Amino acid sequence: MYWLMNELKSVLRGLFKLALLVLTFSLGVAFLLAAIAVVMVTALWSLLRGRKPAIYTTYTQFRQASQAFRQDGAWPGQRPPPGVNPEDVVDVQAHEVSEAPPRSIERDQPPR
């Protein structure tokens, strides 16, 4: 009798785990679809108002910020633009900077 109860418990435990797995997967897919729907609605809303979507502006800001980290204006693995030699070295004339006297903080602040 014990072996029958043990088998029944293991089958029910397996079915419960499978049900939890299916429920978790469906909840994840539902959240993903909801997020995609929200992004699409906000993009359409901003386009209807005549503004660029926030996703587009954020992407362009990140792309412009990444320009500083590009070597010679090209992505790594690409050839630089014509006329740019990556082996050119630019020398600058070094000069000393005299130390200016420190300014008072009170003078720099506007009167209240």
PDB file of N, CA and C in Angstrom:
ATOM      1  N   MET A   1       0.797  -1.191   0.000  1.00  0.00           N
ATOM      2  CA  MET A   1       0.000   0.000   0.000  1.00  0.00           C
ATOM      3  C   MET A   1       0.851   1.272   0.000  1.00  0.00           C
ATOM      4  N   TYR A   2       2.010   1.182   0.702  1.00  0.00           N
ATOM      5  CA  TYR A   2       2.883   2.349   0.757  1.00  0.00           C
ATOM      6  C   TYR A   2       3.448   2.699  -0.615  1.00  0.00           C
ATOM      7  N   TRP A   3       3.786   1.692  -1.388  1.00  0.00           N
ATOM      8  CA  TRP A   3       4.364   1.962  -2.709  1.00  0.00           C
ATOM      9  C   TRP A   3       3.363   2.674  -3.608  1.00  0.00           C
ATOM     10  N   LEU A   4       2.054   2.354  -3.454  1.00  0.00           N
ATOM     11  CA  LEU A   4       1.023   3.012  -4.251  1.00  0.00           C
ATOM     12  C   LEU A   4       0.888   4.487  -3.861  1.00  0.00           C
ATOM     13  N   MET A   5       0.930   4.742  -2.552  1.00  0.00           N
ATOM     14  CA  MET A   5       0.845   6.132  -2.091  1.00  0.00           C
ATOM     15  C   MET A   5       2.081   6.924  -2.523  1.00  0.00           C
ATOM     16  N   ASN A   6       3.256   6.299  -2.467  1.00  0.00           N
ATOM     17  CA  ASN A   6       4.482   6.978  -2.889  1.00  0.00           C
ATOM     18  C   ASN A   6       4.444   7.301  -4.380  1.00  0.00           C
ATOM     19  N   GLU A   7       3.974   6.363  -5.180  1.00  0.00           N
ATOM     20  CA  GLU A   7       3.863   6.609  -6.619  1.00  0.00           C
ATOM     21  C   GLU A   7       2.858   7.717  -6.912  1.00  0.00           C
ATOM     22  N   LEU A   8       1.734   7.706  -6.204  1.00  0.00           N
ATOM     23  CA  LEU A   8       0.715   8.733  -6.383  1.00  0.00           C
ATOM     24  C   LEU A   8       1.255  10.110  -5.977  1.00  0.00           C
ATOM     25  N   LYS A   9       2.021  10.155  -4.867  1.00  0.00           N
ATOM     26  CA  LYS A   9       2.628  11.416  -4.432  1.00  0.00           C
ATOM     27  C   LYS A   9       3.613  11.942  -5.474  1.00  0.00           C
ATOM     28  N   SER A  10       4.434  11.057  -6.021  1.00  0.00           N
ATOM     29  CA  SER A  10       5.437  11.505  -7.001  1.00  0.00           C
ATOM     30  C   SER A  10       4.768  11.977  -8.298  1.00  0.00           C
ATOM     31  N   VAL A  11       3.688  11.316  -8.704  1.00  0.00           N
ATOM     32  CA  VAL A  11       2.962  11.752  -9.901  1.00  0.00           C
ATOM     33  C   VAL A  11       2.316  13.106  -9.657  1.00  0.00           C
ATOM     34  N   LEU A  12       1.672  13.276  -8.508  1.00  0.00           N
ATOM     35  CA  LEU A  12       1.043  14.560  -8.186  1.00  0.00           C
ATOM     36  C   LEU A  12       2.083  15.667  -8.046  1.00  0.00           C
ATOM     37  N   ARG A  13       3.238  15.361  -7.439  1.00  0.00           N
ATOM     38  CA  ARG A  13       4.313  16.346  -7.305  1.00  0.00           C
ATOM     39  C   ARG A  13       4.823  16.765  -8.686  1.00  0.00           C
ATOM     40  N   GLY A  14       4.977  15.807  -9.570  1.00  0.00           N
ATOM     41  CA  GLY A  14       5.414  16.115 -10.931  1.00  0.00           C
ATOM     42  C   GLY A  14       4.402  16.973 -11.678  1.00  0.00           C
ATOM     43  N   LEU A  15       3.121  16.638 -11.538  1.00  0.00           N
ATOM     44  CA  LEU A  15       2.074  17.434 -12.183  1.00  0.00           C
ATOM     45  C   LEU A  15       2.029  18.853 -11.618  1.00  0.00           C
ATOM     46  N   PHE A  16       2.236  18.983 -10.305  1.00  0.00           N
ATOM     47  CA  PHE A  16       2.241  20.302  -9.671  1.00  0.00           C
ATOM     48  C   PHE A  16       3.424  21.136 -10.179  1.00  0.00           C
ATOM     49  N   LYS A  17       4.600  20.521 -10.285  1.00  0.00           N
ATOM     50  CA  LYS A  17       5.773  21.232 -10.808  1.00  0.00           C
ATOM     51  C   LYS A  17       5.565  21.643 -12.259  1.00  0.00           C
ATOM     52  N   LEU A  18       4.967  20.763 -13.046  1.00  0.00           N
ATOM     53  CA  LEU A  18       4.697  21.087 -14.447  1.00  0.00           C
ATOM     54  C   LEU A  18       3.694  22.240 -14.551  1.00  0.00           C
ATOM     55  N   ALA A  19       2.674  22.231 -13.703  1.00  0.00           N
ATOM     56  CA  ALA A  19       1.683  23.309 -13.712  1.00  0.00           C
ATOM     57  C   ALA A  19       2.331  24.633 -13.312  1.00  0.00           C
ATOM     58  N   LEU A  20       3.210  24.615 -12.308  1.00  0.00           N
ATOM     59  CA  LEU A  20       3.919  25.829 -11.907  1.00  0.00           C
ATOM     60  C   LEU A  20       4.833  26.333 -13.026  1.00  0.00           C
ATOM     61  N   LEU A  21       5.483  25.432 -13.719  1.00  0.00           N
ATOM     62  CA  LEU A  21       6.360  25.822 -14.824  1.00  0.00           C
ATOM     63  C   LEU A  21       5.558  26.480 -15.945  1.00  0.00           C
ATOM     64  N   VAL A  22       4.432  25.884 -16.293  1.00  0.00           N
ATOM     65  CA  VAL A  22       3.577  26.454 -17.344  1.00  0.00           C
ATOM     66  C   VAL A  22       3.022  27.805 -16.915  1.00  0.00           C
ATOM     67  N   LEU A  23       2.620  27.924 -15.662  1.00  0.00           N
ATOM     68  CA  LEU A  23       2.093  29.183 -15.143  1.00  0.00           C
ATOM     69  C   LEU A  23       3.165  30.277 -15.155  1.00  0.00           C
ATOM     70  N   THR A  24       4.380  29.940 -14.742  1.00  0.00           N
ATOM     71  CA  THR A  24       5.475  30.906 -14.739  1.00  0.00           C
ATOM     72  C   THR A  24       5.803  31.362 -16.153  1.00  0.00           C
ATOM     73  N   PHE A  25       5.856  30.423 -17.074  1.00  0.00           N
ATOM     74  CA  PHE A  25       6.152  30.763 -18.462  1.00  0.00           C
ATOM     75  C   PHE A  25       5.073  31.668 -19.044  1.00  0.00           C
ATOM     76  N   SER A  26       3.816  31.325 -18.785  1.00  0.00           N
ATOM     77  CA  SER A  26       2.733  32.142 -19.343  1.00  0.00           C
ATOM     78  C   SER A  26       2.703  33.537 -18.709  1.00  0.00           C
ATOM     79  N   LEU A  27       3.036  33.646 -17.434  1.00  0.00           N
ATOM     80  CA  LEU A  27       3.094  34.948 -16.779  1.00  0.00           C
ATOM     81  C   LEU A  27       4.229  35.794 -17.370  1.00  0.00           C
ATOM     82  N   GLY A  28       5.371  35.178 -17.624  1.00  0.00           N
ATOM     83  CA  GLY A  28       6.491  35.894 -18.248  1.00  0.00           C
ATOM     84  C   GLY A  28       6.138  36.383 -19.642  1.00  0.00           C
ATOM     85  N   VAL A  29       5.476  35.546 -20.424  1.00  0.00           N
ATOM     86  CA  VAL A  29       5.066  35.943 -21.775  1.00  0.00           C
ATOM     87  C   VAL A  29       4.036  37.065 -21.701  1.00  0.00           C
ATOM     88  N   ALA A  30       3.121  36.998 -20.732  1.00  0.00           N
ATOM     89  CA  ALA A  30       2.109  38.051 -20.580  1.00  0.00           C
ATOM     90  C   ALA A  30       2.769  39.380 -20.229  1.00  0.00           C
ATOM     91  N   PHE A  31       3.758  39.379 -19.327  1.00  0.00           N
ATOM     92  CA  PHE A  31       4.472  40.608 -18.980  1.00  0.00           C
ATOM     93  C   PHE A  31       5.244  41.152 -20.174  1.00  0.00           C
ATOM     94  N   LEU A  32       5.853  40.272 -20.944  1.00  0.00           N
ATOM     95  CA  LEU A  32       6.591  40.704 -22.131  1.00  0.00           C
ATOM     96  C   LEU A  32       5.663  41.344 -23.148  1.00  0.00           C
ATOM     97  N   LEU A  33       4.522  40.729 -23.395  1.00  0.00           N
ATOM     98  CA  LEU A  33       3.557  41.295 -24.332  1.00  0.00           C
ATOM     99  C   LEU A  33       2.998  42.623 -23.833  1.00  0.00           C
ATOM    100  N   ALA A  34       2.779  42.724 -22.524  1.00  0.00           N
ATOM    101  CA  ALA A  34       2.289  43.982 -21.954  1.00  0.00           C
ATOM    102  C   ALA A  34       3.334  45.087 -22.110  1.00  0.00           C
ATOM    103  N   ALA A  35       4.590  44.763 -21.900  1.00  0.00           N
ATOM    104  CA  ALA A  35       5.654  45.760 -22.051  1.00  0.00           C
ATOM    105  C   ALA A  35       5.767  46.212 -23.503  1.00  0.00           C
ATOM    106  N   ILE A  36       5.667  45.273 -24.436  1.00  0.00           N
ATOM    107  CA  ILE A  36       5.723  45.634 -25.857  1.00  0.00           C
ATOM    108  C   ILE A  36       4.537  46.514 -26.222  1.00  0.00           C
ATOM    109  N   ALA A  37       3.360  46.199 -25.695  1.00  0.00           N
ATOM    110  CA  ALA A  37       2.172  47.005 -25.986  1.00  0.00           C
ATOM    111  C   ALA A  37       2.318  48.420 -25.428  1.00  0.00           C
ATOM    112  N   VAL A  38       2.866  48.551 -24.234  1.00  0.00           N
ATOM    113  CA  VAL A  38       3.062  49.878 -23.642  1.00  0.00           C
ATOM    114  C   VAL A  38       4.054  50.690 -24.464  1.00  0.00           C
ATOM    115  N   VAL A  39       5.135  50.069 -24.896  1.00  0.00           N
ATOM    116  CA  VAL A  39       6.131  50.771 -25.713  1.00  0.00           C
ATOM    117  C   VAL A  39       5.515  51.221 -27.037  1.00  0.00           C
ATOM    118  N   MET A  40       4.733  50.366 -27.662  1.00  0.00           N
ATOM    119  CA  MET A  40       4.101  50.731 -28.928  1.00  0.00           C
ATOM    120  C   MET A  40       3.092  51.862 -28.753  1.00  0.00           C
ATOM    121  N   VAL A  41       2.288  51.802 -27.689  1.00  0.00           N
ATOM    122  CA  VAL A  41       1.293  52.846 -27.454  1.00  0.00           C
ATOM    123  C   VAL A  41       1.976  54.175 -27.184  1.00  0.00           C
ATOM    124  N   THR A  42       3.031  54.184 -26.360  1.00  0.00           N
ATOM    125  CA  THR A  42       3.725  55.443 -26.084  1.00  0.00           C
ATOM    126  C   THR A  42       4.423  55.982 -27.328  1.00  0.00           C
ATOM    127  N   ALA A  43       4.960  55.101 -28.161  1.00  0.00           N
ATOM    128  CA  ALA A  43       5.593  55.557 -29.401  1.00  0.00           C
ATOM    129  C   ALA A  43       4.553  56.167 -30.339  1.00  0.00           C
ATOM    130  N   LEU A  44       3.412  55.506 -30.479  1.00  0.00           N
ATOM    131  CA  LEU A  44       2.358  56.058 -31.331  1.00  0.00           C
ATOM    132  C   LEU A  44       1.826  57.377 -30.775  1.00  0.00           C
ATOM    133  N   TRP A  45       1.675  57.452 -29.466  1.00  0.00           N
ATOM    134  CA  TRP A  45       1.177  58.672 -28.843  1.00  0.00           C
ATOM    135  C   TRP A  45       2.142  59.836 -29.079  1.00  0.00           C
ATOM    136  N   SER A  46       3.431  59.578 -28.946  1.00  0.00           N
ATOM    137  CA  SER A  46       4.393  60.660 -29.163  1.00  0.00           C
ATOM    138  C   SER A  46       4.442  61.050 -30.639  1.00  0.00           C
ATOM    139  N   LEU A  47       4.266  60.095 -31.536  1.00  0.00           N
ATOM    140  CA  LEU A  47       4.252  60.431 -32.963  1.00  0.00           C
ATOM    141  C   LEU A  47       2.998  61.221 -33.338  1.00  0.00           C
ATOM    142  N   LEU A  48       1.874  60.902 -32.702  1.00  0.00           N
ATOM    143  CA  LEU A  48       0.645  61.655 -32.962  1.00  0.00           C
ATOM    144  C   LEU A  48       0.761  63.100 -32.475  1.00  0.00           C
ATOM    145  N   ARG A  49       1.530  63.313 -31.413  1.00  0.00           N
ATOM    146  CA  ARG A  49       1.722  64.665 -30.905  1.00  0.00           C
ATOM    147  C   ARG A  49       2.825  65.409 -31.647  1.00  0.00           C
ATOM    148  N   GLY A  50       3.490  64.740 -32.579  1.00  0.00           N
ATOM    149  CA  GLY A  50       4.523  65.388 -33.378  1.00  0.00           C
ATOM    150  C   GLY A  50       5.887  65.398 -32.732  1.00  0.00           C
ATOM    151  N   ARG A  51       6.131  64.523 -31.795  1.00  0.00           N
ATOM    152  CA  ARG A  51       7.428  64.445 -31.135  1.00  0.00           C
ATOM    153  C   ARG A  51       8.067  63.107 -31.434  1.00  0.00           C
ATOM    154  N   LYS A  52       9.372  63.075 -31.298  1.00  0.00           N
ATOM    155  CA  LYS A  52      10.059  61.801 -31.493  1.00  0.00           C
ATOM    156  C   LYS A  52       9.849  60.937 -30.258  1.00  0.00           C
ATOM    157  N   PRO A  53       9.714  59.625 -30.463  1.00  0.00           N
ATOM    158  CA  PRO A  53       9.531  58.736 -29.307  1.00  0.00           C
ATOM    159  C   PRO A  53      10.755  58.775 -28.390  1.00  0.00           C
ATOM    160  N   ALA A  54      10.537  58.545 -27.113  1.00  0.00           N
ATOM    161  CA  ALA A  54      11.621  58.582 -26.130  1.00  0.00           C
ATOM    162  C   ALA A  54      12.663  57.515 -26.436  1.00  0.00           C
ATOM    163  N   ILE A  55      12.227  56.398 -26.987  1.00  0.00           N
ATOM    164  CA  ILE A  55      13.166  55.328 -27.317  1.00  0.00           C
ATOM    165  C   ILE A  55      14.151  55.815 -28.368  1.00  0.00           C
ATOM    166  N   TYR A  56      13.650  56.518 -29.371  1.00  0.00           N
ATOM    167  CA  TYR A  56      14.497  57.015 -30.448  1.00  0.00           C
ATOM    168  C   TYR A  56      15.488  58.046 -29.925  1.00  0.00           C
ATOM    169  N   THR A  57      15.011  58.977 -29.108  1.00  0.00           N
ATOM    170  CA  THR A  57      15.909  60.020 -28.610  1.00  0.00           C
ATOM    171  C   THR A  57      16.956  59.441 -27.669  1.00  0.00           C
ATOM    172  N   THR A  58      16.574  58.470 -26.848  1.00  0.00           N
ATOM    173  CA  THR A  58      17.547  57.836 -25.956  1.00  0.00           C
ATOM    174  C   THR A  58      18.600  57.101 -26.761  1.00  0.00           C
ATOM    175  N   TYR A  59      18.173  56.377 -27.793  1.00  0.00           N
ATOM    176  CA  TYR A  59      19.117  55.651 -28.634  1.00  0.00           C
ATOM    177  C   TYR A  59      20.078  56.623 -29.314  1.00  0.00           C
ATOM    178  N   THR A  60      19.569  57.759 -29.811  1.00  0.00           N
ATOM    179  CA  THR A  60      20.443  58.718 -30.502  1.00  0.00           C
ATOM    180  C   THR A  60      21.420  59.340 -29.511  1.00  0.00           C
ATOM    181  N   GLN A  61      20.983  59.611 -28.282  1.00  0.00           N
ATOM    182  CA  GLN A  61      21.899  60.178 -27.293  1.00  0.00           C
ATOM    183  C   GLN A  61      23.011  59.196 -26.949  1.00  0.00           C
ATOM    184  N   PHE A  62      22.678  57.933 -26.796  1.00  0.00           N
ATOM    185  CA  PHE A  62      23.707  56.938 -26.512  1.00  0.00           C
ATOM    186  C   PHE A  62      24.666  56.791 -27.689  1.00  0.00           C
ATOM    187  N   ARG A  63      24.132  56.859 -28.889  1.00  0.00           N
ATOM    188  CA  ARG A  63      24.984  56.729 -30.073  1.00  0.00           C
ATOM    189  C   ARG A  63      25.933  57.919 -30.193  1.00  0.00           C
ATOM    190  N   GLN A  64      25.436  59.120 -29.905  1.00  0.00           N
ATOM    191  CA  GLN A  64      26.301  60.292 -29.949  1.00  0.00           C
ATOM    192  C   GLN A  64      27.355  60.240 -28.847  1.00  0.00           C
ATOM    193  N   ALA A  65      26.983  59.749 -27.680  1.00  0.00           N
ATOM    194  CA  ALA A  65      27.946  59.642 -26.589  1.00  0.00           C
ATOM    195  C   ALA A  65      29.018  58.604 -26.906  1.00  0.00           C
ATOM    196  N   SER A  66      28.664  57.581 -27.656  1.00  0.00           N
ATOM    197  CA  SER A  66      29.645  56.554 -27.986  1.00  0.00           C
ATOM    198  C   SER A  66      30.634  57.021 -29.046  1.00  0.00           C
ATOM    199  N   GLN A  67      30.351  58.137 -29.711  1.00  0.00           N
ATOM    200  CA  GLN A  67      31.272  58.669 -30.720  1.00  0.00           C
ATOM    201  C   GLN A  67      32.629  58.976 -30.092  1.00  0.00           C
ATOM    202  N   ALA A  68      32.630  59.380 -28.830  1.00  0.00           N
ATOM    203  CA  ALA A  68      33.888  59.737 -28.174  1.00  0.00           C
ATOM    204  C   ALA A  68      34.787  58.526 -27.989  1.00  0.00           C
ATOM    205  N   PHE A  69      34.217  57.337 -27.925  1.00  0.00           N
ATOM    206  CA  PHE A  69      35.002  56.143 -27.685  1.00  0.00           C
ATOM    207  C   PHE A  69      35.396  55.420 -28.967  1.00  0.00           C
ATOM    208  N   ARG A  70      34.955  55.933 -30.096  1.00  0.00           N
ATOM    209  CA  ARG A  70      35.338  55.328 -31.364  1.00  0.00           C
ATOM    210  C   ARG A  70      36.750  55.762 -31.714  1.00  0.00           C
ATOM    211  N   GLN A  71      37.457  54.889 -32.363  1.00  0.00           N
ATOM    212  CA  GLN A  71      38.816  55.206 -32.768  1.00  0.00           C
ATOM    213  C   GLN A  71      38.784  55.695 -34.209  1.00  0.00           C
ATOM    214  N   ASP A  72      39.181  56.916 -34.428  1.00  0.00           N
ATOM    215  CA  ASP A  72      39.230  57.534 -35.751  1.00  0.00           C
ATOM    216  C   ASP A  72      37.850  57.609 -36.395  1.00  0.00           C
ATOM    217  N   GLY A  73      36.817  57.696 -35.613  1.00  0.00           N
ATOM    218  CA  GLY A  73      35.473  57.865 -36.160  1.00  0.00           C
ATOM    219  C   GLY A  73      34.865  56.598 -36.719  1.00  0.00           C
ATOM    220  N   ALA A  74      35.490  55.448 -36.513  1.00  0.00           N
ATOM    221  CA  ALA A  74      34.944  54.196 -37.038  1.00  0.00           C
ATOM    222  C   ALA A  74      34.782  53.207 -35.892  1.00  0.00           C
ATOM    223  N   TRP A  75      33.852  52.304 -36.045  1.00  0.00           N
ATOM    224  CA  TRP A  75      33.667  51.263 -35.048  1.00  0.00           C
ATOM    225  C   TRP A  75      34.857  50.325 -35.107  1.00  0.00           C
ATOM    226  N   PRO A  76      35.166  49.641 -34.012  1.00  0.00           N
ATOM    227  CA  PRO A  76      36.278  48.694 -34.035  1.00  0.00           C
ATOM    228  C   PRO A  76      36.049  47.627 -35.100  1.00  0.00           C
ATOM    229  N   GLY A  77      37.084  47.335 -35.844  1.00  0.00           N
ATOM    230  CA  GLY A  77      36.995  46.344 -36.909  1.00  0.00           C
ATOM    231  C   GLY A  77      36.664  46.940 -38.257  1.00  0.00           C
ATOM    232  N   GLN A  78      36.322  48.208 -38.317  1.00  0.00           N
ATOM    233  CA  GLN A  78      36.030  48.863 -39.586  1.00  0.00           C
ATOM    234  C   GLN A  78      37.217  49.721 -39.993  1.00  0.00           C
ATOM    235  N   ARG A  79      37.266  50.011 -41.271  1.00  0.00           N
ATOM    236  CA  ARG A  79      38.319  50.897 -41.755  1.00  0.00           C
ATOM    237  C   ARG A  79      37.992  52.334 -41.408  1.00  0.00           C
ATOM    238  N   PRO A  80      39.020  53.136 -41.102  1.00  0.00           N
ATOM    239  CA  PRO A  80      38.760  54.552 -40.825  1.00  0.00           C
ATOM    240  C   PRO A  80      38.336  55.273 -42.095  1.00  0.00           C
ATOM    241  N   PRO A  81      37.730  56.440 -41.965  1.00  0.00           N
ATOM    242  CA  PRO A  81      37.316  57.197 -43.143  1.00  0.00           C
ATOM    243  C   PRO A  81      38.518  57.574 -44.007  1.00  0.00           C
ATOM    244  N   PRO A  82      38.306  57.798 -45.309  1.00  0.00           N
ATOM    245  CA  PRO A  82      39.424  58.139 -46.178  1.00  0.00           C
ATOM    246  C   PRO A  82      40.086  59.448 -45.742  1.00  0.00           C
ATOM    247  N   GLY A  83      41.385  59.477 -45.849  1.00  0.00           N
ATOM    248  CA  GLY A  83      42.135  60.669 -45.489  1.00  0.00           C
ATOM    249  C   GLY A  83      42.582  60.685 -44.043  1.00  0.00           C
ATOM    250  N   VAL A  84      42.193  59.674 -43.253  1.00  0.00           N
ATOM    251  CA  VAL A  84      42.591  59.624 -41.853  1.00  0.00           C
ATOM    252  C   VAL A  84      43.583  58.490 -41.684  1.00  0.00           C
ATOM    253  N   ASN A  85      44.771  58.849 -41.227  1.00  0.00           N
ATOM    254  CA  ASN A  85      45.793  57.841 -40.978  1.00  0.00           C
ATOM    255  C   ASN A  85      45.846  57.589 -39.482  1.00  0.00           C
ATOM    256  N   PRO A  86      45.510  56.385 -39.027  1.00  0.00           N
ATOM    257  CA  PRO A  86      45.478  56.139 -37.586  1.00  0.00           C
ATOM    258  C   PRO A  86      46.851  56.200 -36.934  1.00  0.00           C
ATOM    259  N   GLU A  87      47.915  56.149 -37.744  1.00  0.00           N
ATOM    260  CA  GLU A  87      49.261  56.169 -37.180  1.00  0.00           C
ATOM    261  C   GLU A  87      49.824  57.581 -37.073  1.00  0.00           C
ATOM    262  N   ASP A  88      49.054  58.600 -37.481  1.00  0.00           N
ATOM    263  CA  ASP A  88      49.510  59.981 -37.334  1.00  0.00           C
ATOM    264  C   ASP A  88      49.555  60.344 -35.855  1.00  0.00           C
ATOM    265  N   VAL A  89      50.620  61.019 -35.482  1.00  0.00           N
ATOM    266  CA  VAL A  89      50.764  61.474 -34.115  1.00  0.00           C
ATOM    267  C   VAL A  89      50.784  62.987 -34.135  1.00  0.00           C
ATOM    268  N   VAL A  90      49.986  63.578 -33.293  1.00  0.00           N
ATOM    269  CA  VAL A  90      49.941  65.026 -33.229  1.00  0.00           C
ATOM    270  C   VAL A  90      50.716  65.471 -31.998  1.00  0.00           C
ATOM    271  N   ASP A  91      51.788  66.257 -32.217  1.00  0.00           N
ATOM    272  CA  ASP A  91      52.564  66.787 -31.105  1.00  0.00           C
ATOM    273  C   ASP A  91      52.053  68.160 -30.741  1.00  0.00           C
ATOM    274  N   VAL A  92      52.084  68.436 -29.468  1.00  0.00           N
ATOM    275  CA  VAL A  92      51.618  69.721 -28.983  1.00  0.00           C
ATOM    276  C   VAL A  92      52.773  70.372 -28.227  1.00  0.00           C
ATOM    277  N   GLN A  93      52.877  71.679 -28.370  1.00  0.00           N
ATOM    278  CA  GLN A  93      53.914  72.408 -27.651  1.00  0.00           C
ATOM    279  C   GLN A  93      53.524  72.461 -26.176  1.00  0.00           C
ATOM    280  N   ALA A  94      54.393  71.948 -25.321  1.00  0.00           N
ATOM    281  CA  ALA A  94      54.120  71.962 -23.890  1.00  0.00           C
ATOM    282  C   ALA A  94      54.487  73.313 -23.307  1.00  0.00           C
ATOM    283  N   HIS A  95      53.715  73.771 -22.381  1.00  0.00           N
ATOM    284  CA  HIS A  95      54.033  75.022 -21.692  1.00  0.00           C
ATOM    285  C   HIS A  95      53.547  74.937 -20.256  1.00  0.00           C
ATOM    286  N   GLU A  96      54.185  75.722 -19.406  1.00  0.00           N
ATOM    287  CA  GLU A  96      53.828  75.700 -17.996  1.00  0.00           C
ATOM    288  C   GLU A  96      52.672  76.641 -17.743  1.00  0.00           C
ATOM    289  N   VAL A  97      51.833  76.248 -16.820  1.00  0.00           N
ATOM    290  CA  VAL A  97      50.711  77.088 -16.432  1.00  0.00           C
ATOM    291  C   VAL A  97      51.020  77.629 -15.045  1.00  0.00           C
ATOM    292  N   SER A  98      51.044  78.958 -14.945  1.00  0.00           N
ATOM    293  CA  SER A  98      51.318  79.544 -13.631  1.00  0.00           C
ATOM    294  C   SER A  98      50.103  79.348 -12.740  1.00  0.00           C
ATOM    295  N   GLU A  99      50.376  79.176 -11.485  1.00  0.00           N
ATOM    296  CA  GLU A  99      49.276  78.915 -10.566  1.00  0.00           C
ATOM    297  C   GLU A  99      48.656  80.237 -10.146  1.00  0.00           C
ATOM    298  N   ALA A 100      47.385  80.382 -10.399  1.00  0.00           N
ATOM    299  CA  ALA A 100      46.672  81.599 -10.040  1.00  0.00           C
ATOM    300  C   ALA A 100      46.301  81.544  -8.570  1.00  0.00           C
ATOM    301  N   PRO A 101      46.212  82.700  -7.916  1.00  0.00           N
ATOM    302  CA  PRO A 101      45.821  82.682  -6.498  1.00  0.00           C
ATOM    303  C   PRO A 101      44.390  82.176  -6.355  1.00  0.00           C
ATOM    304  N   PRO A 102      44.100  81.413  -5.316  1.00  0.00           N
ATOM    305  CA  PRO A 102      42.731  80.894  -5.138  1.00  0.00           C
ATOM    306  C   PRO A 102      41.745  82.023  -4.896  1.00  0.00           C
ATOM    307  N   ARG A 103      40.584  81.872  -5.494  1.00  0.00           N
ATOM    308  CA  ARG A 103      39.543  82.892  -5.328  1.00  0.00           C
ATOM    309  C   ARG A 103      38.676  82.546  -4.137  1.00  0.00           C
ATOM    310  N   SER A 104      38.143  83.559  -3.539  1.00  0.00           N
ATOM    311  CA  SER A 104      37.279  83.365  -2.383  1.00  0.00           C
ATOM    312  C   SER A 104      35.914  82.866  -2.857  1.00  0.00           C
ATOM    313  N   ILE A 105      35.330  81.989  -2.096  1.00  0.00           N
ATOM    314  CA  ILE A 105      34.029  81.441  -2.463  1.00  0.00           C
ATOM    315  C   ILE A 105      32.945  82.506  -2.336  1.00  0.00           C
ATOM    316  N   GLU A 106      33.076  83.374  -1.326  1.00  0.00           N
ATOM    317  CA  GLU A 106      32.044  84.381  -1.104  1.00  0.00           C
ATOM    318  C   GLU A 106      31.952  85.350  -2.272  1.00  0.00           C
ATOM    319  N   ARG A 107      33.058  85.680  -2.899  1.00  0.00           N
ATOM    320  CA  ARG A 107      33.026  86.623  -4.011  1.00  0.00           C
ATOM    321  C   ARG A 107      32.367  86.036  -5.247  1.00  0.00           C
ATOM    322  N   ASP A 108      32.465  84.722  -5.418  1.00  0.00           N
ATOM    323  CA  ASP A 108      31.926  84.089  -6.624  1.00  0.00           C
ATOM    324  C   ASP A 108      30.415  83.914  -6.566  1.00  0.00           C
ATOM    325  N   GLN A 109      29.855  83.917  -5.372  1.00  0.00           N
ATOM    326  CA  GLN A 109      28.414  83.691  -5.253  1.00  0.00           C
ATOM    327  C   GLN A 109      27.664  85.000  -5.407  1.00  0.00           C
ATOM    328  N   PRO A 110      26.527  84.992  -6.089  1.00  0.00           N
ATOM    329  CA  PRO A 110      25.737  86.219  -6.236  1.00  0.00           C
ATOM    330  C   PRO A 110      25.118  86.628  -4.905  1.00  0.00           C
ATOM    331  N   PRO A 111      24.861  87.918  -4.735  1.00  0.00           N
ATOM    332  CA  PRO A 111      24.261  88.352  -3.460  1.00  0.00           C
ATOM    333  C   PRO A 111      22.836  87.825  -3.322  1.00  0.00           C
ATOM    334  N   ARG A 112      22.443  87.602  -2.081  1.00  0.00           N
ATOM    335  CA  ARG A 112      21.106  87.057  -1.826  1.00  0.00           C
ATOM    336  C   ARG A 112      20.123  88.128  -1.500  1.00  0.00           C
TER     337      ARG A 112
END
